[in-house]
C-alpha atoms as a PDB file:
ATOM      1  CA  UNK A   1       0.084   0.099  -0.024  1.00  0.00           C
ATOM      2  CA  UNK A   2       0.823   3.579  -0.422  1.00  0.00           C
ATOM      3  CA  UNK A   3       2.368   5.924   2.185  1.00  0.00           C
ATOM      4  CA  UNK A   4       1.868   4.632   5.817  1.00  0.00           C
ATOM      5  CA  UNK A   5      -1.146   2.501   5.195  1.00  0.00           C
ATOM      6  CA  UNK A   6      -1.273  -1.344   6.016  1.00  0.00           C
ATOM      7  CA  UNK A   7      -3.720  -3.728   4.590  1.00  0.00           C
ATOM      8  CA  UNK A   8      -5.110  -5.616   7.180  1.00  0.00           C
ATOM      9  CA  UNK A   9      -7.032  -8.970   7.760  1.00  0.00           C
ATOM     10  CA  UNK A  10      -8.088  -9.491  11.413  1.00  0.00           C
ATOM     11  CA  UNK A  11      -8.699 -12.953  12.871  1.00  0.00           C
ATOM     12  CA  UNK A  12     -12.476 -12.043  13.382  1.00  0.00           C
ATOM     13  CA  UNK A  13     -12.713 -11.654   9.656  1.00  0.00           C
ATOM     14  CA  UNK A  14     -12.892  -7.953   9.371  1.00  0.00           C
ATOM     15  CA  UNK A  15     -10.516  -6.541   6.467  1.00  0.00           C
ATOM     16  CA  UNK A  16      -9.449  -2.892   5.713  1.00  0.00           C
ATOM     17  CA  UNK A  17      -6.914  -0.374   5.882  1.00  0.00           C
ATOM     18  CA  UNK A  18      -5.037   1.040   9.014  1.00  0.00           C
ATOM     19  CA  UNK A  19      -3.641   4.198   8.387  1.00  0.00           C
ATOM     20  CA  UNK A  20      -0.537   4.889  10.472  1.00  0.00           C
ATOM     21  CA  UNK A  21      -0.032   8.311   9.406  1.00  0.00           C
ATOM     22  CA  UNK A  22      -1.934  10.182  11.986  1.00  0.00           C
ATOM     23  CA  UNK A  23       0.466   8.942  14.680  1.00  0.00           C
ATOM     24  CA  UNK A  24       3.667   9.813  12.980  1.00  0.00           C
ATOM     25  CA  UNK A  25       4.258  12.997  14.763  1.00  0.00           C
ATOM     26  CA  UNK A  26       3.842  11.365  18.283  1.00  0.00           C
ATOM     27  CA  UNK A  27       6.791  10.273  20.407  1.00  0.00           C
ATOM     28  CA  UNK A  28       8.157   6.924  19.403  1.00  0.00           C
ATOM     29  CA  UNK A  29       6.166   6.707  16.178  1.00  0.00           C
ATOM     30  CA  UNK A  30       8.288   9.506  14.692  1.00  0.00           C
ATOM     31  CA  UNK A  31      10.674   6.978  13.670  1.00  0.00           C
ATOM     32  CA  UNK A  32       8.236   5.194  11.432  1.00  0.00           C
ATOM     33  CA  UNK A  33       8.460   8.203   9.040  1.00  0.00           C
ATOM     34  CA  UNK A  34      11.677   6.463   7.406  1.00  0.00           C
ATOM     35  CA  UNK A  35      10.081   4.274   4.849  1.00  0.00           C
ATOM     36  CA  UNK A  36      13.076   1.611   5.292  1.00  0.00           C
ATOM     37  CA  UNK A  37      12.239   1.233   8.954  1.00  0.00           C
ATOM     38  CA  UNK A  38       8.499   1.310   8.421  1.00  0.00           C
ATOM     39  CA  UNK A  39       8.772  -1.761   6.100  1.00  0.00           C
ATOM     40  CA  UNK A  40      10.345  -3.759   8.890  1.00  0.00           C
ATOM     41  CA  UNK A  41       6.859  -4.309  10.356  1.00  0.00           C
ATOM     42  CA  UNK A  42       5.986  -7.791  12.040  1.00  0.00           C
ATOM     43  CA  UNK A  43       2.736  -9.210  13.195  1.00  0.00           C
ATOM     44  CA  UNK A  44       3.192  -9.642  16.980  1.00  0.00           C
ATOM     45  CA  UNK A  45       0.603 -10.731  19.485  1.00  0.00           C
ATOM     46  CA  UNK A  46      -2.432 -10.167  17.289  1.00  0.00           C
ATOM     47  CA  UNK A  47      -1.151  -6.472  16.323  1.00  0.00           C
ATOM     48  CA  UNK A  48       1.656  -5.205  14.471  1.00  0.00           C
ATOM     49  CA  UNK A  49       5.339  -4.223  15.891  1.00  0.00           C
ATOM     50  CA  UNK A  50       8.607  -2.593  14.626  1.00  0.00           C
ATOM     51  CA  UNK A  51      12.102  -3.423  15.777  1.00  0.00           C
ATOM     52  CA  UNK A  52      12.373  -0.612  18.415  1.00  0.00           C
ATOM     53  CA  UNK A  53       9.117  -1.932  19.820  1.00  0.00           C
ATOM     54  CA  UNK A  54       6.578   0.627  18.606  1.00  0.00           C
ATOM     55  CA  UNK A  55       3.481  -1.233  18.173  1.00  0.00           C
ATOM     56  CA  UNK A  56      -0.224  -1.092  17.688  1.00  0.00           C
ATOM     57  CA  UNK A  57      -2.745  -3.636  19.491  1.00  0.00           C
ATOM     58  CA  UNK A  58      -5.273  -5.369  17.574  1.00  0.00           C
ATOM     59  CA  UNK A  59      -7.894  -3.249  19.470  1.00  0.00           C
ATOM     60  CA  UNK A  60      -6.467  -0.156  18.080  1.00  0.00           C
ATOM     61  CA  UNK A  61      -6.110  -1.469  14.635  1.00  0.00           C
ATOM     62  CA  UNK A  62      -9.948  -2.573  14.821  1.00  0.00           C
ATOM     63  CA  UNK A  63     -11.131   0.730  15.972  1.00  0.00           C
ATOM     64  CA  UNK A  64      -9.196   2.660  13.253  1.00  0.00           C
ATOM     65  CA  UNK A  65      -9.653   0.233  10.495  1.00  0.00           C
ATOM     66  CA  UNK A  66     -11.073   1.691   7.356  1.00  0.00           C
ATOM     67  CA  UNK A  67     -12.936   0.052   4.234  1.00  0.00           C
ATOM     68  CA  UNK A  68     -10.315  -0.557   1.397  1.00  0.00           C
ATOM     69  CA  UNK A  69     -10.837   1.749  -1.682  1.00  0.00           C
ATOM     70  CA  UNK A  70     -12.997   0.343  -4.421  1.00  0.00           C
ATOM     71  CA  UNK A  71     -11.297  -0.143  -7.572  1.00  0.00           C
ATOM     72  CA  UNK A  72     -13.095   1.717 -10.214  1.00  0.00           C
ATOM     73  CA  UNK A  73     -13.096   0.500 -13.817  1.00  0.00           C
ATOM     74  CA  UNK A  74     -12.740   3.194 -16.214  1.00  0.00           C
END
């Protein structure tokens, strides 16, 4: 996905896009602005995590989850 968006499929069957960009100016999340570092994401404990322990819980992801954009045929 483009920018700081993650395509997510949760264990409860919900799917969508989680946008990390609203968090990038907050404390430890500023390091995620580096795209190389951002791509080091791993699934951990039902959420997501980066090497320096920035993380989002599955609950946060579910609350912020947005419907994926619909592809429009031209």
